[in-house]
Amino acid sequence: MVVGIAIFVRPADAAPARVPMVLVDPPPAFDTARFVTSLETYVTNAVIEASSRVPATDDIVCAEVIAEARAAAVSVALWARWVDRTMTVSMVTVDKGCAAAESSTVDVPPEQPEFVYRVSALKIASLLRVLPETRVVVEDNPSGPEVGQARNPLPWSLGSRIRPTYDGAVELGATGVASSESAARTFALVASAWVNTRSHSTRFSVGATLLASAAHEADAAGGSGRTRVFGASLGGRAILIRGERAALVGQLDLGVLSIWSSADRTTGASAMSDTVWAPVVSLAPHVRIAVAGPLHVTLGPTLDLSRPVLLTLGQTPLYQASWLRFRWDIRAQLWF
């Protein structure tokens, strides 16, 4: 005869609320992992899902966390921001909206900065007192008495953590080279996609860019010609200076340009068709301005270094690019 004891874990009537929290540009010295540990210790009725964000005004951040709370089907959401040595934690109720947000401040003592994690976690626990406690009942049979309590309804729940997800952005805009020579003037459409981890820092991004120019056209005795420029590059971005609604962003790209050229005789017959390839390195200091929510506008100059290219139609210049040239960019950027 075999005698055994079965242990059953019965989930509580309601799983703990998974409350979104945005950390608005946390300072470099802020230990996010330690903050998460404090949240797990002191917040007993919710799982805090924290993510970092570049600077934005409270109304923008509030609208974003409310959207996350609705998606997670919870009634509250949190965000935190830093001013000098003060951390301000705010909570908003989805039903009441941003006008009724509650806030609590935590001073960061320079001599004992580690206290900020425990104190902020306790204040968050106080703000979340509106949420119910959640229990796990452990029994020696499905109908036996309660013998234990825990925050998470399942043993594999991970608790409060920084989400290993990604922020992404897509851009669409225009770039142009100004010149008094028509063969050197270029206008092109630019599309790009960027991604960065949603971890402690959102300072760096990586992405890819595609470029397609309008046609360069010229006429000469006996025919006409045209060129188009296509480009593809991979690169990285770094936020150099941050402000409340604007940031200075440095960008470095490595790529290749493909210049397609063709010429036709006056009779309409094709005279030539050729493709020239040119590697290019691009360096750009751009200003990024927040417009509304996830929509931004970036603008500024771009410096291209590439081998010089000169294409002619007889004696008439058709396309001309020196080894160093400036482009001017303006792009609409949407983060998601």
C-alpha atoms as a PDB file:
ATOM      1  CA  MET A   1       0.000   0.000   0.000  1.00  0.00           C
ATOM      2  CA  VAL A   2       1.297   3.418  -0.945  1.00  0.00           C
ATOM      3  CA  VAL A   3       0.455   6.407   1.228  1.00  0.00           C
ATOM      4  CA  GLY A   4       0.991   9.903  -0.112  1.00  0.00           C
ATOM      5  CA  ILE A   5       0.079  13.486   0.633  1.00  0.00           C
ATOM      6  CA  ALA A   6      -1.096  15.696  -2.197  1.00  0.00           C
ATOM      7  CA  ILE A   7      -0.464  19.437  -2.012  1.00  0.00           C
ATOM      8  CA  PHE A   8      -2.860  21.617  -4.000  1.00  0.00           C
ATOM      9  CA  VAL A   9      -2.398  25.269  -4.762  1.00  0.00           C
ATOM     10  CA  ARG A  10      -5.709  26.999  -5.367  1.00  0.00           C
ATOM     11  CA  PRO A  11      -5.562  30.454  -6.969  1.00  0.00           C
ATOM     12  CA  ALA A  12      -7.303  33.214  -5.136  1.00  0.00           C
ATOM     13  CA  ASP A  13     -10.562  34.570  -6.443  1.00  0.00           C
ATOM     14  CA  ALA A  14      -8.667  37.409  -8.141  1.00  0.00           C
ATOM     15  CA  ALA A  15      -5.083  37.507  -9.328  1.00  0.00           C
ATOM     16  CA  PRO A  16      -2.972  40.416  -8.066  1.00  0.00           C
ATOM     17  CA  ALA A  17      -3.307  43.585 -10.116  1.00  0.00           C
ATOM     18  CA  ARG A  18      -0.431  44.113 -12.542  1.00  0.00           C
ATOM     19  CA  VAL A  19       0.066  47.863 -12.188  1.00  0.00           C
ATOM     20  CA  PRO A  20       2.098  49.695 -14.875  1.00  0.00           C
ATOM     21  CA  MET A  21       4.688  52.197 -13.664  1.00  0.00           C
ATOM     22  CA  VAL A  22       6.815  54.557 -15.758  1.00  0.00           C
ATOM     23  CA  LEU A  23      10.192  55.805 -14.510  1.00  0.00           C
ATOM     24  CA  VAL A  24      10.710  59.146 -16.240  1.00  0.00           C
ATOM     25  CA  ASP A  25      14.421  59.471 -17.031  1.00  0.00           C
ATOM     26  CA  PRO A  26      15.825  57.865 -13.856  1.00  0.00           C
ATOM     27  CA  PRO A  27      19.214  59.252 -12.826  1.00  0.00           C
ATOM     28  CA  PRO A  28      22.284  57.106 -13.609  1.00  0.00           C
ATOM     29  CA  ALA A  29      22.857  56.383  -9.908  1.00  0.00           C
ATOM     30  CA  PHE A  30      19.357  54.965  -9.452  1.00  0.00           C
ATOM     31  CA  ASP A  31      19.574  51.167  -9.009  1.00  0.00           C
ATOM     32  CA  THR A  32      16.439  49.891 -10.724  1.00  0.00           C
ATOM     33  CA  ALA A  33      17.025  46.269  -9.686  1.00  0.00           C
ATOM     34  CA  ARG A  34      17.206  47.303  -6.036  1.00  0.00           C
ATOM     35  CA  PHE A  35      14.033  49.356  -6.458  1.00  0.00           C
ATOM     36  CA  VAL A  36      12.261  46.288  -7.883  1.00  0.00           C
ATOM     37  CA  THR A  37      13.390  44.195  -4.910  1.00  0.00           C
ATOM     38  CA  SER A  38      11.971  46.766  -2.499  1.00  0.00           C
ATOM     39  CA  LEU A  39       8.677  46.791  -4.389  1.00  0.00           C
ATOM     40  CA  GLU A  40       8.466  42.999  -4.132  1.00  0.00           C
ATOM     41  CA  THR A  41       9.055  43.248  -0.387  1.00  0.00           C
ATOM     42  CA  TYR A  42       6.690  46.051   0.581  1.00  0.00           C
ATOM     43  CA  VAL A  43       3.921  46.049  -2.037  1.00  0.00           C
ATOM     44  CA  THR A  44       1.815  43.027  -1.066  1.00  0.00           C
ATOM     45  CA  ASN A  45      -1.290  43.503  -3.185  1.00  0.00           C
ATOM     46  CA  ALA A  46       0.047  44.196  -6.687  1.00  0.00           C
ATOM     47  CA  VAL A  47       2.704  43.304  -9.225  1.00  0.00           C
ATOM     48  CA  ILE A  48       4.460  46.491 -10.376  1.00  0.00           C
ATOM     49  CA  GLU A  49       5.533  46.402 -14.030  1.00  0.00           C
ATOM     50  CA  ALA A  50       8.030  49.231 -14.389  1.00  0.00           C
ATOM     51  CA  SER A  51       9.504  50.685 -17.568  1.00  0.00           C
ATOM     52  CA  SER A  52      11.775  53.649 -18.274  1.00  0.00           C
ATOM     53  CA  ARG A  53      10.861  56.601 -20.480  1.00  0.00           C
ATOM     54  CA  VAL A  54      12.589  59.634 -21.940  1.00  0.00           C
ATOM     55  CA  PRO A  55      11.522  62.980 -20.414  1.00  0.00           C
ATOM     56  CA  ALA A  56       7.959  64.138 -20.991  1.00  0.00           C
ATOM     57  CA  THR A  57       5.459  66.352 -19.209  1.00  0.00           C
ATOM     58  CA  ASP A  58       3.128  64.879 -16.603  1.00  0.00           C
ATOM     59  CA  ASP A  59       0.089  65.076 -18.862  1.00  0.00           C
ATOM     60  CA  ILE A  60       1.835  63.031 -21.558  1.00  0.00           C
ATOM     61  CA  VAL A  61       3.143  60.432 -19.089  1.00  0.00           C
ATOM     62  CA  CYS A  62      -0.222  60.249 -17.340  1.00  0.00           C
ATOM     63  CA  ALA A  63      -2.046  59.611 -20.612  1.00  0.00           C
ATOM     64  CA  GLU A  64       0.428  56.836 -21.462  1.00  0.00           C
ATOM     65  CA  VAL A  65       0.149  55.014 -18.116  1.00  0.00           C
ATOM     66  CA  ILE A  66      -3.657  55.255 -18.219  1.00  0.00           C
ATOM     67  CA  ALA A  67      -3.576  53.617 -21.659  1.00  0.00           C
ATOM     68  CA  GLU A  68      -1.321  50.857 -20.269  1.00  0.00           C
ATOM     69  CA  ALA A  69      -3.606  50.400 -17.261  1.00  0.00           C
ATOM     70  CA  ARG A  70      -6.666  50.030 -19.496  1.00  0.00           C
ATOM     71  CA  ALA A  71      -4.802  47.481 -21.623  1.00  0.00           C
ATOM     72  CA  ALA A  72      -3.883  45.546 -18.465  1.00  0.00           C
ATOM     73  CA  ALA A  73      -7.450  45.842 -17.103  1.00  0.00           C
ATOM     74  CA  VAL A  74      -6.346  47.489 -13.837  1.00  0.00           C
ATOM     75  CA  SER A  75      -7.809  50.558 -12.196  1.00  0.00           C
ATOM     76  CA  VAL A  76      -4.612  52.458 -11.314  1.00  0.00           C
ATOM     77  CA  ALA A  77      -1.222  53.330 -12.770  1.00  0.00           C
ATOM     78  CA  LEU A  78       1.990  54.938 -11.464  1.00  0.00           C
ATOM     79  CA  TRP A  79       4.877  57.075 -12.604  1.00  0.00           C
ATOM     80  CA  ALA A  80       7.952  58.594 -10.976  1.00  0.00           C
ATOM     81  CA  ARG A  81      10.191  61.491 -11.888  1.00  0.00           C
ATOM     82  CA  TRP A  82      13.252  63.139 -10.343  1.00  0.00           C
ATOM     83  CA  VAL A  83      13.994  66.804  -9.700  1.00  0.00           C
ATOM     84  CA  ASP A  84      17.393  67.428  -8.107  1.00  0.00           C
ATOM     85  CA  ARG A  85      17.437  65.123  -5.048  1.00  0.00           C
ATOM     86  CA  THR A  86      13.694  64.560  -4.862  1.00  0.00           C
ATOM     87  CA  MET A  87      11.801  61.625  -6.321  1.00  0.00           C
ATOM     88  CA  THR A  88       8.087  62.237  -6.898  1.00  0.00           C
ATOM     89  CA  VAL A  89       5.790  59.216  -7.188  1.00  0.00           C
ATOM     90  CA  SER A  90       2.343  59.801  -8.695  1.00  0.00           C
ATOM     91  CA  MET A  91      -0.681  57.529  -8.943  1.00  0.00           C
ATOM     92  CA  VAL A  92      -3.653  58.008 -11.237  1.00  0.00           C
ATOM     93  CA  THR A  93      -7.003  56.225 -11.143  1.00  0.00           C
ATOM     94  CA  VAL A  94      -8.280  55.319 -14.579  1.00  0.00           C
ATOM     95  CA  ASP A  95     -11.869  56.329 -13.769  1.00  0.00           C
ATOM     96  CA  LYS A  96     -10.935  59.715 -12.273  1.00  0.00           C
ATOM     97  CA  GLY A  97      -8.331  60.677 -14.855  1.00  0.00           C
ATOM     98  CA  CYS A  98      -5.166  62.768 -14.703  1.00  0.00           C
ATOM     99  CA  ALA A  99      -6.813  65.726 -12.964  1.00  0.00           C
ATOM    100  CA  ALA A 100      -7.191  63.615  -9.801  1.00  0.00           C
ATOM    101  CA  ALA A 101      -3.649  62.157  -9.661  1.00  0.00           C
ATOM    102  CA  GLU A 102      -2.115  61.699  -6.205  1.00  0.00           C
ATOM    103  CA  SER A 103       1.565  62.389  -5.576  1.00  0.00           C
ATOM    104  CA  SER A 104       4.064  61.680  -2.839  1.00  0.00           C
ATOM    105  CA  THR A 105       7.674  62.886  -2.643  1.00  0.00           C
ATOM    106  CA  VAL A 106      10.764  61.081  -1.431  1.00  0.00           C
ATOM    107  CA  ASP A 107      13.925  63.023  -0.599  1.00  0.00           C
ATOM    108  CA  VAL A 108      17.147  61.262  -1.547  1.00  0.00           C
ATOM    109  CA  PRO A 109      19.697  61.843   1.244  1.00  0.00           C
ATOM    110  CA  PRO A 110      23.169  62.256  -0.297  1.00  0.00           C
ATOM    111  CA  GLU A 111      24.847  60.492   2.627  1.00  0.00           C
ATOM    112  CA  GLN A 112      22.493  57.441   2.590  1.00  0.00           C
ATOM    113  CA  PRO A 113      20.910  57.211  -0.872  1.00  0.00           C
ATOM    114  CA  GLU A 114      19.953  53.552  -0.330  1.00  0.00           C
ATOM    115  CA  PHE A 115      17.010  54.689   1.821  1.00  0.00           C
ATOM    116  CA  VAL A 116      15.208  55.943  -1.281  1.00  0.00           C
ATOM    117  CA  TYR A 117      14.342  52.383  -2.359  1.00  0.00           C
ATOM    118  CA  ARG A 118      12.637  51.334   0.861  1.00  0.00           C
ATOM    119  CA  VAL A 119      10.903  54.669   1.463  1.00  0.00           C
ATOM    120  CA  SER A 120       9.615  54.935  -2.116  1.00  0.00           C
ATOM    121  CA  ALA A 121       8.356  51.329  -2.018  1.00  0.00           C
ATOM    122  CA  LEU A 122       6.505  52.036   1.236  1.00  0.00           C
ATOM    123  CA  LYS A 123       4.918  55.153  -0.238  1.00  0.00           C
ATOM    124  CA  ILE A 124       3.855  53.216  -3.319  1.00  0.00           C
ATOM    125  CA  ALA A 125       2.336  50.578  -1.063  1.00  0.00           C
ATOM    126  CA  SER A 126       0.410  53.360   0.693  1.00  0.00           C
ATOM    127  CA  LEU A 127      -0.821  54.793  -2.627  1.00  0.00           C
ATOM    128  CA  LEU A 128      -2.003  51.334  -3.691  1.00  0.00           C
ATOM    129  CA  ARG A 129      -4.031  50.767  -0.531  1.00  0.00           C
ATOM    130  CA  VAL A 130      -7.112  51.141  -2.752  1.00  0.00           C
ATOM    131  CA  LEU A 131      -6.356  47.737  -4.278  1.00  0.00           C
ATOM    132  CA  PRO A 132      -7.521  44.551  -2.518  1.00  0.00           C
ATOM    133  CA  GLU A 133      -5.130  42.061  -0.937  1.00  0.00           C
ATOM    134  CA  THR A 134      -4.655  38.821  -2.894  1.00  0.00           C
ATOM    135  CA  ARG A 135      -4.174  35.427  -1.248  1.00  0.00           C
ATOM    136  CA  VAL A 136      -2.997  31.979  -2.246  1.00  0.00           C
ATOM    137  CA  VAL A 137      -4.560  29.093  -0.314  1.00  0.00           C
ATOM    138  CA  VAL A 138      -2.339  26.031   0.212  1.00  0.00           C
ATOM    139  CA  GLU A 139      -4.237  22.902   1.278  1.00  0.00           C
ATOM    140  CA  ASP A 140      -3.634  19.235   1.980  1.00  0.00           C
ATOM    141  CA  ASN A 141      -6.901  18.577   0.098  1.00  0.00           C
ATOM    142  CA  PRO A 142      -9.077  20.717  -2.155  1.00  0.00           C
ATOM    143  CA  SER A 143     -11.549  21.586   0.601  1.00  0.00           C
ATOM    144  CA  GLY A 144      -9.286  21.789   3.638  1.00  0.00           C
ATOM    145  CA  PRO A 145      -8.456  24.820   5.805  1.00  0.00           C
ATOM    146  CA  GLU A 146      -6.195  27.668   4.746  1.00  0.00           C
ATOM    147  CA  VAL A 147      -2.640  27.152   5.913  1.00  0.00           C
ATOM    148  CA  GLY A 148      -0.648  29.805   4.077  1.00  0.00           C
ATOM    149  CA  GLN A 149      -0.644  33.128   2.265  1.00  0.00           C
ATOM    150  CA  ALA A 150       1.368  34.571  -0.598  1.00  0.00           C
ATOM    151  CA  ARG A 151       1.160  37.490  -2.985  1.00  0.00           C
ATOM    152  CA  ASN A 152       1.360  35.577  -6.234  1.00  0.00           C
ATOM    153  CA  PRO A 153      -1.394  33.121  -7.186  1.00  0.00           C
ATOM    154  CA  LEU A 154       0.978  30.805  -9.073  1.00  0.00           C
ATOM    155  CA  PRO A 155       4.465  29.581  -8.109  1.00  0.00           C
ATOM    156  CA  TRP A 156       5.903  30.699 -11.437  1.00  0.00           C
ATOM    157  CA  SER A 157       4.712  34.305 -11.141  1.00  0.00           C
ATOM    158  CA  LEU A 158       7.779  36.501 -11.358  1.00  0.00           C
ATOM    159  CA  GLY A 159       6.500  39.417  -9.333  1.00  0.00           C
ATOM    160  CA  SER A 160       7.585  42.973  -9.888  1.00  0.00           C
ATOM    161  CA  ARG A 161      10.138  43.345 -12.664  1.00  0.00           C
ATOM    162  CA  ILE A 162      11.444  45.517 -15.451  1.00  0.00           C
ATOM    163  CA  ARG A 163       9.704  44.305 -18.613  1.00  0.00           C
ATOM    164  CA  PRO A 164      12.120  42.762 -21.125  1.00  0.00           C
ATOM    165  CA  THR A 165      10.263  44.422 -23.979  1.00  0.00           C
ATOM    166  CA  TYR A 166      11.376  47.014 -26.456  1.00  0.00           C
ATOM    167  CA  ASP A 167      10.516  50.533 -27.456  1.00  0.00           C
ATOM    168  CA  GLY A 168      10.339  51.056 -31.184  1.00  0.00           C
ATOM    169  CA  ALA A 169      10.073  54.074 -33.434  1.00  0.00           C
ATOM    170  CA  VAL A 170       9.345  54.614 -37.106  1.00  0.00           C
ATOM    171  CA  GLU A 171      10.292  57.753 -39.016  1.00  0.00           C
ATOM    172  CA  LEU A 172       9.283  59.279 -42.297  1.00  0.00           C
ATOM    173  CA  GLY A 173      10.691  62.498 -43.637  1.00  0.00           C
ATOM    174  CA  ALA A 174      12.761  64.307 -46.217  1.00  0.00           C
ATOM    175  CA  THR A 175      16.400  65.171 -46.702  1.00  0.00           C
ATOM    176  CA  GLY A 176      18.001  67.563 -49.136  1.00  0.00           C
ATOM    177  CA  VAL A 177      21.335  68.908 -50.344  1.00  0.00           C
ATOM    178  CA  ALA A 178      21.301  72.593 -51.240  1.00  0.00           C
ATOM    179  CA  SER A 179      23.616  73.761 -54.022  1.00  0.00           C
ATOM    180  CA  SER A 180      23.824  76.369 -56.729  1.00  0.00           C
ATOM    181  CA  GLU A 181      24.657  73.546 -59.198  1.00  0.00           C
ATOM    182  CA  SER A 182      21.598  71.583 -60.315  1.00  0.00           C
ATOM    183  CA  ALA A 183      23.641  68.381 -60.613  1.00  0.00           C
ATOM    184  CA  ALA A 184      24.605  68.623 -56.925  1.00  0.00           C
ATOM    185  CA  ARG A 185      21.140  69.435 -55.581  1.00  0.00           C
ATOM    186  CA  THR A 186      19.375  66.394 -54.147  1.00  0.00           C
ATOM    187  CA  PHE A 187      15.938  65.867 -52.625  1.00  0.00           C
ATOM    188  CA  ALA A 188      15.068  62.481 -51.161  1.00  0.00           C
ATOM    189  CA  LEU A 189      12.494  60.709 -48.994  1.00  0.00           C
ATOM    190  CA  VAL A 190      13.822  58.915 -45.912  1.00  0.00           C
ATOM    191  CA  ALA A 191      12.225  56.119 -43.875  1.00  0.00           C
ATOM    192  CA  SER A 192      13.769  54.457 -40.838  1.00  0.00           C
ATOM    193  CA  ALA A 193      12.994  52.183 -37.900  1.00  0.00           C
ATOM    194  CA  TRP A 194      14.632  52.266 -34.467  1.00  0.00           C
ATOM    195  CA  VAL A 195      14.556  50.113 -31.367  1.00  0.00           C
ATOM    196  CA  ASN A 196      15.947  50.315 -27.838  1.00  0.00           C
ATOM    197  CA  THR A 197      15.559  48.156 -24.744  1.00  0.00           C
ATOM    198  CA  ARG A 198      13.029  49.241 -22.138  1.00  0.00           C
ATOM    199  CA  SER A 199      15.454  48.666 -19.312  1.00  0.00           C
ATOM    200  CA  HIS A 200      17.265  51.030 -16.964  1.00  0.00           C
ATOM    201  CA  SER A 201      18.449  53.294 -19.759  1.00  0.00           C
ATOM    202  CA  THR A 202      16.735  54.442 -22.936  1.00  0.00           C
ATOM    203  CA  ARG A 203      19.683  56.566 -24.007  1.00  0.00           C
ATOM    204  CA  PHE A 204      20.822  54.386 -26.947  1.00  0.00           C
ATOM    205  CA  SER A 205      18.945  53.120 -30.014  1.00  0.00           C
ATOM    206  CA  VAL A 206      19.866  51.097 -33.074  1.00  0.00           C
ATOM    207  CA  GLY A 207      18.098  51.112 -36.404  1.00  0.00           C
ATOM    208  CA  ALA A 208      18.060  51.024 -40.178  1.00  0.00           C
ATOM    209  CA  THR A 209      17.398  53.771 -42.733  1.00  0.00           C
ATOM    210  CA  LEU A 210      16.311  53.706 -46.385  1.00  0.00           C
ATOM    211  CA  LEU A 211      16.653  56.643 -48.795  1.00  0.00           C
ATOM    212  CA  ALA A 212      15.242  57.262 -52.282  1.00  0.00           C
ATOM    213  CA  SER A 213      15.872  60.468 -54.199  1.00  0.00           C
ATOM    214  CA  ALA A 214      13.988  62.373 -56.833  1.00  0.00           C
ATOM    215  CA  ALA A 215      15.460  62.153 -60.338  1.00  0.00           C
ATOM    216  CA  HIS A 216      18.324  64.327 -61.592  1.00  0.00           C
ATOM    217  CA  GLU A 217      17.628  65.104 -65.239  1.00  0.00           C
ATOM    218  CA  ALA A 218      19.608  66.865 -67.951  1.00  0.00           C
ATOM    219  CA  ASP A 219      19.430  67.379 -71.703  1.00  0.00           C
ATOM    220  CA  ALA A 220      22.284  67.522 -74.165  1.00  0.00           C
ATOM    221  CA  ALA A 221      22.765  67.433 -77.903  1.00  0.00           C
ATOM    222  CA  GLY A 222      21.614  64.059 -79.100  1.00  0.00           C
ATOM    223  CA  GLY A 223      19.746  62.892 -76.013  1.00  0.00           C
ATOM    224  CA  SER A 224      18.735  63.178 -72.376  1.00  0.00           C
ATOM    225  CA  GLY A 225      19.742  61.474 -69.127  1.00  0.00           C
ATOM    226  CA  ARG A 226      18.619  60.941 -65.563  1.00  0.00           C
ATOM    227  CA  THR A 227      19.939  59.584 -62.295  1.00  0.00           C
ATOM    228  CA  ARG A 228      18.336  58.438 -59.038  1.00  0.00           C
ATOM    229  CA  VAL A 229      20.028  57.779 -55.718  1.00  0.00           C
ATOM    230  CA  PHE A 230      19.040  54.939 -53.393  1.00  0.00           C
ATOM    231  CA  GLY A 231      20.646  54.296 -50.025  1.00  0.00           C
ATOM    232  CA  ALA A 232      20.526  51.890 -47.097  1.00  0.00           C
ATOM    233  CA  SER A 233      22.338  52.151 -43.781  1.00  0.00           C
ATOM    234  CA  LEU A 234      22.544  50.766 -40.264  1.00  0.00           C
ATOM    235  CA  GLY A 235      23.342  52.989 -37.335  1.00  0.00           C
ATOM    236  CA  GLY A 236      23.017  54.009 -33.737  1.00  0.00           C
ATOM    237  CA  ARG A 237      21.694  56.986 -31.840  1.00  0.00           C
ATOM    238  CA  ALA A 238      22.604  58.461 -28.468  1.00  0.00           C
ATOM    239  CA  ILE A 239      20.749  61.105 -26.498  1.00  0.00           C
ATOM    240  CA  LEU A 240      23.389  63.737 -25.738  1.00  0.00           C
ATOM    241  CA  ILE A 241      21.288  66.339 -23.914  1.00  0.00           C
ATOM    242  CA  ARG A 242      17.789  65.866 -22.532  1.00  0.00           C
ATOM    243  CA  GLY A 243      15.170  68.472 -21.781  1.00  0.00           C
ATOM    244  CA  GLU A 244      11.532  68.353 -20.782  1.00  0.00           C
ATOM    245  CA  ARG A 245      10.200  68.451 -24.347  1.00  0.00           C
ATOM    246  CA  ALA A 246      13.344  68.456 -26.494  1.00  0.00           C
ATOM    247  CA  ALA A 247      16.569  66.498 -26.751  1.00  0.00           C
ATOM    248  CA  LEU A 248      19.814  66.706 -28.710  1.00  0.00           C
ATOM    249  CA  VAL A 249      20.426  63.359 -30.397  1.00  0.00           C
ATOM    250  CA  GLY A 250      23.651  62.221 -32.053  1.00  0.00           C
ATOM    251  CA  GLN A 251      23.402  59.659 -34.864  1.00  0.00           C
ATOM    252  CA  LEU A 252      26.090  57.636 -36.670  1.00  0.00           C
ATOM    253  CA  ASP A 253      25.244  55.546 -39.757  1.00  0.00           C
ATOM    254  CA  LEU A 254      27.257  53.235 -42.000  1.00  0.00           C
ATOM    255  CA  GLY A 255      25.764  52.414 -45.372  1.00  0.00           C
ATOM    256  CA  VAL A 256      25.968  52.436 -49.124  1.00  0.00           C
ATOM    257  CA  LEU A 257      24.580  54.639 -51.888  1.00  0.00           C
ATOM    258  CA  SER A 258      23.527  53.265 -55.245  1.00  0.00           C
ATOM    259  CA  ILE A 259      23.382  55.829 -58.090  1.00  0.00           C
ATOM    260  CA  TRP A 260      21.333  54.553 -61.020  1.00  0.00           C
ATOM    261  CA  SER A 261      21.900  56.415 -64.285  1.00  0.00           C
ATOM    262  CA  SER A 262      20.513  56.053 -67.767  1.00  0.00           C
ATOM    263  CA  ALA A 263      20.500  58.032 -71.025  1.00  0.00           C
ATOM    264  CA  ASP A 264      18.310  57.989 -74.133  1.00  0.00           C
ATOM    265  CA  ARG A 265      19.002  59.232 -77.632  1.00  0.00           C
ATOM    266  CA  THR A 266      16.711  61.780 -79.235  1.00  0.00           C
ATOM    267  CA  THR A 267      15.259  58.903 -81.245  1.00  0.00           C
ATOM    268  CA  GLY A 268      14.086  57.299 -78.010  1.00  0.00           C
ATOM    269  CA  ALA A 269      16.594  54.445 -78.115  1.00  0.00           C
ATOM    270  CA  SER A 270      18.523  53.665 -74.961  1.00  0.00           C
ATOM    271  CA  ALA A 271      22.086  54.965 -75.067  1.00  0.00           C
ATOM    272  CA  MET A 272      23.401  53.672 -71.717  1.00  0.00           C
ATOM    273  CA  SER A 273      22.463  52.358 -68.296  1.00  0.00           C
ATOM    274  CA  ASP A 274      24.834  52.064 -65.366  1.00  0.00           C
ATOM    275  CA  THR A 275      24.978  51.819 -61.570  1.00  0.00           C
ATOM    276  CA  VAL A 276      27.631  53.347 -59.329  1.00  0.00           C
ATOM    277  CA  TRP A 277      28.090  52.182 -55.721  1.00  0.00           C
ATOM    278  CA  ALA A 278      29.534  54.392 -53.012  1.00  0.00           C
ATOM    279  CA  PRO A 279      30.017  53.539 -49.305  1.00  0.00           C
ATOM    280  CA  VAL A 280      28.988  56.361 -46.994  1.00  0.00           C
ATOM    281  CA  VAL A 281      29.442  57.351 -43.352  1.00  0.00           C
ATOM    282  CA  SER A 282      26.863  59.779 -41.960  1.00  0.00           C
ATOM    283  CA  LEU A 283      27.071  61.817 -38.769  1.00  0.00           C
ATOM    284  CA  ALA A 284      24.070  63.841 -37.602  1.00  0.00           C
ATOM    285  CA  PRO A 285      23.330  66.045 -34.597  1.00  0.00           C
ATOM    286  CA  HIS A 286      19.525  66.296 -34.618  1.00  0.00           C
ATOM    287  CA  VAL A 287      17.088  68.061 -32.321  1.00  0.00           C
ATOM    288  CA  ARG A 288      14.103  65.925 -31.293  1.00  0.00           C
ATOM    289  CA  ILE A 289      10.990  67.827 -30.197  1.00  0.00           C
ATOM    290  CA  ALA A 290       7.977  66.239 -28.503  1.00  0.00           C
ATOM    291  CA  VAL A 291       4.754  67.212 -30.270  1.00  0.00           C
ATOM    292  CA  ALA A 292       1.997  65.162 -28.638  1.00  0.00           C
ATOM    293  CA  GLY A 293       2.155  61.794 -26.898  1.00  0.00           C
ATOM    294  CA  PRO A 294       4.426  59.434 -28.857  1.00  0.00           C
ATOM    295  CA  LEU A 295       4.756  61.820 -31.820  1.00  0.00           C
ATOM    296  CA  HIS A 296       8.047  63.702 -32.192  1.00  0.00           C
ATOM    297  CA  VAL A 297       9.742  65.776 -34.875  1.00  0.00           C
ATOM    298  CA  THR A 298      13.487  65.542 -35.513  1.00  0.00           C
ATOM    299  CA  LEU A 299      15.413  68.080 -37.567  1.00  0.00           C
ATOM    300  CA  GLY A 300      18.971  69.184 -38.189  1.00  0.00           C
ATOM    301  CA  PRO A 301      21.995  68.740 -40.454  1.00  0.00           C
ATOM    302  CA  THR A 302      23.635  65.509 -41.574  1.00  0.00           C
ATOM    303  CA  LEU A 303      27.264  65.232 -42.672  1.00  0.00           C
ATOM    304  CA  ASP A 304      28.012  62.579 -45.324  1.00  0.00           C
ATOM    305  CA  LEU A 305      31.510  61.283 -46.067  1.00  0.00           C
ATOM    306  CA  SER A 306      31.741  59.256 -49.268  1.00  0.00           C
ATOM    307  CA  ARG A 307      33.871  58.881 -52.356  1.00  0.00           C
ATOM    308  CA  PRO A 308      33.192  61.627 -54.910  1.00  0.00           C
ATOM    309  CA  VAL A 309      30.945  60.794 -57.841  1.00  0.00           C
ATOM    310  CA  LEU A 310      30.604  62.740 -61.105  1.00  0.00           C
ATOM    311  CA  LEU A 311      28.303  61.571 -63.885  1.00  0.00           C
ATOM    312  CA  THR A 312      27.996  63.562 -67.107  1.00  0.00           C
ATOM    313  CA  LEU A 313      25.869  63.535 -70.228  1.00  0.00           C
ATOM    314  CA  GLY A 314      28.420  64.491 -72.836  1.00  0.00           C
ATOM    315  CA  GLN A 315      29.819  67.714 -71.385  1.00  0.00           C
ATOM    316  CA  THR A 316      26.728  68.374 -69.242  1.00  0.00           C
ATOM    317  CA  PRO A 317      26.965  67.421 -65.516  1.00  0.00           C
ATOM    318  CA  LEU A 318      24.183  64.990 -64.634  1.00  0.00           C
ATOM    319  CA  TYR A 319      24.986  64.063 -61.015  1.00  0.00           C
ATOM    320  CA  GLN A 320      27.712  65.394 -58.774  1.00  0.00           C
ATOM    321  CA  ALA A 321      28.626  64.568 -55.192  1.00  0.00           C
ATOM    322  CA  SER A 322      31.824  65.601 -53.421  1.00  0.00           C
ATOM    323  CA  TRP A 323      33.542  63.526 -50.750  1.00  0.00           C
ATOM    324  CA  LEU A 324      32.028  65.736 -48.035  1.00  0.00           C
ATOM    325  CA  ARG A 325      28.553  67.231 -48.166  1.00  0.00           C
ATOM    326  CA  PHE A 326      25.823  68.517 -45.856  1.00  0.00           C
ATOM    327  CA  ARG A 327      22.221  67.406 -45.960  1.00  0.00           C
ATOM    328  CA  TRP A 328      19.309  68.944 -44.072  1.00  0.00           C
ATOM    329  CA  ASP A 329      16.734  66.647 -42.523  1.00  0.00           C
ATOM    330  CA  ILE A 330      13.234  66.910 -41.130  1.00  0.00           C
ATOM    331  CA  ARG A 331      11.359  63.798 -40.033  1.00  0.00           C
ATOM    332  CA  ALA A 332       8.221  62.819 -38.152  1.00  0.00           C
ATOM    333  CA  GLN A 333       8.920  60.159 -35.518  1.00  0.00           C
ATOM    334  CA  LEU A 334       6.346  57.899 -33.851  1.00  0.00           C
ATOM    335  CA  TRP A 335       7.284  55.758 -30.812  1.00  0.00           C
ATOM    336  CA  PHE A 336       5.300  52.718 -29.793  1.00  0.00           C
END
